[in-house]
Amino acid sequence: MKIALFGGTFDPLHKGHTGIAEYILHAGYADRVVFLPAACPPHKAGMLKITPFEERMEMIRLAIEGKDGMDVSDFETKRAGKSYTIDTWNAICGEYPEHAFRWVIGSDSLCQLHTWYHAEELAEKCSFLTYPRHDFPVSTALLAEHWPMETAKRLHATILSHAPEYHFASSDLRGMIQAGADVSECLPPEVQTYLTEHKLYLTK
């Protein structure tokens, strides 16, 4: 089975996340998309407080319930320490060798991939599916500033050029909610209800 692993903080999950997952499934890039919320994302260290894992997990579960081909996993909580992608990739591939895995990232992450933990090993081992973000255009030349040209070309080829683009991110939505703005058009209704009931992101 072809499985796309969609890692991230998902704080909160929004329609961009589910829209990309639907595109990957409908385009045949994967048979299943598994959301992998990070338990302790290293790139968020020192930043604003992250919503507890259980609440982020629940928002994802509510949003994808009944959606064919989508799952959510608490795999990241089974390992101690920070949620490094290469460690998760090696662990999952080792535990489920019968499946073919791809890792879903945004073009913003692709631009910064060279800064990730064990980046060279990750670029060598991991098969990516990269969704485009309008504010992070990626070219082979840009990637070649940090990677050998062969690697840059291979990474650039992972971009899903026909995937839908969404002009908002979780960080944008948190700020808008805190400011009292209506972001319901950007969120699955189940997530909107959860945020309202639990009063998430209303305080700093």
Protein backbone atom coordinates (compact mmCIF):
# COMPACT_ATOMS: atom_id res chain seq x y z
CA MET A 1 0.00 0.00 0.00
CA LYS A 2 1.14 3.54 -0.75
CA ILE A 3 0.89 5.63 2.40
CA ALA A 4 1.47 9.38 2.66
CA LEU A 5 2.65 10.49 6.09
CA PHE A 6 1.49 14.04 6.80
CA GLY A 7 3.54 15.36 9.69
CA GLY A 8 3.12 18.71 11.37
CA THR A 9 2.04 20.55 14.46
CA PHE A 10 -1.57 21.01 13.23
CA ASP A 11 -2.23 23.79 15.70
CA PRO A 12 -4.97 23.89 14.49
CA LEU A 13 -5.76 21.57 11.59
CA HIS A 14 -7.35 23.63 8.80
CA LYS A 15 -8.96 23.14 5.40
CA GLY A 16 -5.61 23.47 3.69
CA HIS A 17 -4.39 20.33 5.43
CA THR A 18 -7.48 18.29 4.58
CA GLY A 19 -7.59 19.74 1.06
CA ILE A 20 -4.03 18.62 0.36
CA ALA A 21 -4.80 15.17 1.76
CA GLU A 22 -7.84 14.87 -0.52
CA TYR A 23 -5.77 15.95 -3.52
CA ILE A 24 -3.07 13.36 -2.79
CA LEU A 25 -5.67 10.61 -2.54
CA HIS A 26 -7.68 11.62 -5.60
CA ALA A 27 -4.54 12.09 -7.73
CA GLY A 28 -3.36 8.60 -6.82
CA TYR A 29 -0.16 9.59 -5.05
CA ALA A 30 -1.21 7.48 -2.06
CA ASP A 31 -3.85 4.99 -1.01
CA ARG A 32 -4.01 6.45 2.49
CA VAL A 33 -2.96 9.69 4.14
CA VAL A 34 -1.96 9.38 7.80
CA PHE A 35 -1.74 12.57 9.83
CA LEU A 36 1.16 12.47 12.30
CA PRO A 37 0.87 15.34 14.77
CA ALA A 38 4.25 16.12 16.29
CA ALA A 39 4.48 15.49 20.02
CA CYS A 40 7.49 17.77 20.54
CA PRO A 41 8.34 19.64 17.32
CA PRO A 42 11.99 20.81 17.45
CA HIS A 43 11.44 23.76 15.10
CA LYS A 44 8.88 25.22 17.52
CA ALA A 45 11.27 25.29 20.47
CA GLY A 46 11.25 28.66 22.21
CA MET A 47 8.18 29.84 20.30
CA LEU A 48 4.64 30.39 21.56
CA LYS A 49 3.07 27.69 23.66
CA ILE A 50 1.84 24.73 21.63
CA THR A 51 -1.62 23.31 22.23
CA PRO A 52 -1.39 19.97 24.09
CA PHE A 53 -0.96 16.95 21.86
CA GLU A 54 -4.24 15.34 22.93
CA GLU A 55 -6.24 18.39 21.83
CA ARG A 56 -4.48 18.67 18.47
CA MET A 57 -5.00 14.93 17.97
CA GLU A 58 -8.70 15.25 18.77
CA MET A 59 -9.19 18.11 16.30
CA ILE A 60 -7.70 15.99 13.54
CA ARG A 61 -9.76 12.97 14.51
CA LEU A 62 -12.98 14.99 14.45
CA ALA A 63 -12.17 16.60 11.10
CA ILE A 64 -11.34 13.38 9.21
CA GLU A 65 -13.93 11.10 10.78
CA GLY A 66 -15.77 9.34 7.96
CA LYS A 67 -13.33 10.51 5.27
CA ASP A 68 -12.17 7.55 3.20
CA GLY A 69 -8.42 7.09 3.07
CA MET A 70 -7.55 9.39 5.98
CA ASP A 71 -6.22 8.34 9.39
CA VAL A 72 -4.49 9.97 12.33
CA SER A 73 -1.74 8.33 14.38
CA ASP A 74 -0.28 9.00 17.83
CA PHE A 75 3.00 7.41 16.71
CA GLU A 76 5.02 10.47 17.75
CA THR A 77 4.06 9.99 21.40
CA LYS A 78 5.58 6.51 21.44
CA ARG A 79 9.11 7.89 21.28
CA ALA A 80 10.77 10.05 23.90
CA GLY A 81 12.36 13.36 23.02
CA LYS A 82 11.89 15.71 20.09
CA SER A 83 9.93 14.69 16.99
CA TYR A 84 12.68 14.56 14.39
CA THR A 85 11.40 13.57 10.95
CA ILE A 86 14.30 11.25 10.18
CA ASP A 87 13.74 9.27 13.39
CA THR A 88 10.02 8.94 12.68
CA TRP A 89 10.70 7.94 9.06
CA ASN A 90 13.22 5.27 10.03
CA ALA A 91 10.98 3.90 12.77
CA ILE A 92 7.86 3.67 10.62
CA CYS A 93 9.64 2.22 7.58
CA GLY A 94 11.32 -0.33 9.83
CA GLU A 95 8.08 -1.31 11.54
CA TYR A 96 6.00 -1.53 8.36
CA PRO A 97 8.35 -2.66 5.56
CA GLU A 98 5.44 -3.97 3.49
CA HIS A 99 4.24 -0.43 2.69
CA ALA A 100 5.66 2.30 0.43
CA PHE A 101 5.77 5.59 2.32
CA ARG A 102 5.94 9.22 1.19
CA TRP A 103 6.34 12.21 3.49
CA VAL A 104 4.11 15.24 2.89
CA ILE A 105 5.66 18.69 3.39
CA GLY A 106 5.01 22.23 2.20
CA SER A 107 7.30 24.18 -0.09
CA ASP A 108 8.27 26.29 2.94
CA SER A 109 9.66 23.16 4.58
CA LEU A 110 11.39 22.10 1.36
CA CYS A 111 13.18 25.46 1.30
CA GLN A 112 14.43 24.84 4.84
CA LEU A 113 15.10 21.12 4.53
CA HIS A 114 18.86 21.62 4.60
CA THR A 115 18.52 22.92 8.19
CA TRP A 116 16.64 19.85 9.46
CA TYR A 117 18.17 17.26 11.75
CA HIS A 118 20.29 14.80 9.72
CA ALA A 119 19.21 16.58 6.54
CA GLU A 120 21.48 14.65 4.18
CA GLU A 121 20.24 11.30 5.44
CA LEU A 122 16.66 12.52 5.20
CA ALA A 123 17.08 13.74 1.62
CA GLU A 124 18.66 10.43 0.66
CA LYS A 125 16.14 8.10 2.30
CA CYS A 126 12.85 9.94 2.31
CA SER A 127 10.39 10.14 -0.58
CA PHE A 128 8.59 13.48 -0.40
CA LEU A 129 5.32 14.87 -1.67
CA THR A 130 5.63 18.66 -1.59
CA TYR A 131 2.56 20.87 -1.80
CA PRO A 132 3.14 24.43 -3.06
CA ARG A 133 2.69 27.52 -0.91
CA HIS A 134 2.27 30.82 -2.71
CA ASP A 135 4.63 32.60 -0.31
CA PHE A 136 7.40 30.01 -0.74
CA PRO A 137 8.13 29.48 -4.45
CA VAL A 138 10.83 26.87 -5.03
CA SER A 139 13.21 26.48 -7.95
CA THR A 140 15.96 23.98 -8.62
CA ALA A 141 18.44 26.87 -8.50
CA LEU A 142 17.24 27.86 -5.04
CA LEU A 143 17.62 24.31 -3.74
CA ALA A 144 21.03 24.01 -5.38
CA GLU A 145 22.29 26.77 -3.07
CA HIS A 146 22.22 24.18 -0.30
CA TRP A 147 22.26 20.80 -2.07
CA PRO A 148 24.27 19.11 -4.84
CA MET A 149 22.53 19.70 -8.16
CA GLU A 150 21.42 16.07 -8.49
CA THR A 151 19.78 16.22 -5.07
CA ALA A 152 18.26 19.63 -5.82
CA LYS A 153 16.64 18.30 -9.00
CA ARG A 154 15.29 15.25 -7.21
CA LEU A 155 13.81 17.35 -4.40
CA HIS A 156 12.30 19.84 -6.85
CA ALA A 157 10.63 16.96 -8.71
CA THR A 158 8.63 16.16 -5.56
CA ILE A 159 6.57 19.36 -5.89
CA LEU A 160 2.91 18.71 -6.67
CA SER A 161 2.59 21.51 -9.19
CA HIS A 162 -1.16 21.05 -9.72
CA ALA A 163 -2.07 20.79 -6.04
CA PRO A 164 -4.37 23.49 -4.64
CA GLU A 165 -2.74 26.39 -2.83
CA TYR A 166 -4.10 27.83 0.38
CA HIS A 167 -3.25 31.37 1.42
CA PHE A 168 -3.34 30.82 5.15
CA ALA A 169 -1.42 28.86 7.76
CA SER A 170 -2.14 27.66 11.28
CA SER A 171 -0.10 30.51 12.74
CA ASP A 172 -2.21 33.03 10.79
CA LEU A 173 -5.42 31.50 12.09
CA ARG A 174 -4.26 31.50 15.71
CA GLY A 175 -3.54 35.21 15.50
CA MET A 176 -6.84 35.95 13.79
CA ILE A 177 -8.81 33.98 16.40
CA GLN A 178 -7.00 35.83 19.17
CA ALA A 179 -7.95 39.11 17.49
CA GLY A 180 -11.60 38.07 17.35
CA ALA A 181 -11.77 37.48 13.59
CA ASP A 182 -14.07 34.92 12.00
CA VAL A 183 -11.94 32.12 10.51
CA SER A 184 -14.74 29.57 10.04
CA GLU A 185 -14.22 29.51 6.26
CA CYS A 186 -10.68 28.23 6.83
CA LEU A 187 -11.54 25.47 9.30
CA PRO A 188 -13.43 22.19 9.06
CA PRO A 189 -16.70 22.76 10.95
CA GLU A 190 -15.77 20.11 13.51
CA VAL A 191 -12.56 21.98 14.32
CA GLN A 192 -14.41 25.29 14.53
CA THR A 193 -16.85 23.78 17.02
CA TYR A 194 -14.02 22.31 19.09
CA LEU A 195 -12.16 25.62 19.20
CA THR A 196 -15.30 27.45 20.26
CA GLU A 197 -16.21 24.95 22.97
CA HIS A 198 -12.69 24.84 24.41
CA LYS A 199 -11.92 28.54 23.87
CA LEU A 200 -8.55 27.75 22.26
CA TYR A 201 -6.21 30.55 21.09
CA LEU A 202 -8.21 33.26 22.87
CA THR A 203 -5.40 34.11 25.28
CA LYS A 204 -1.68 34.64 24.76
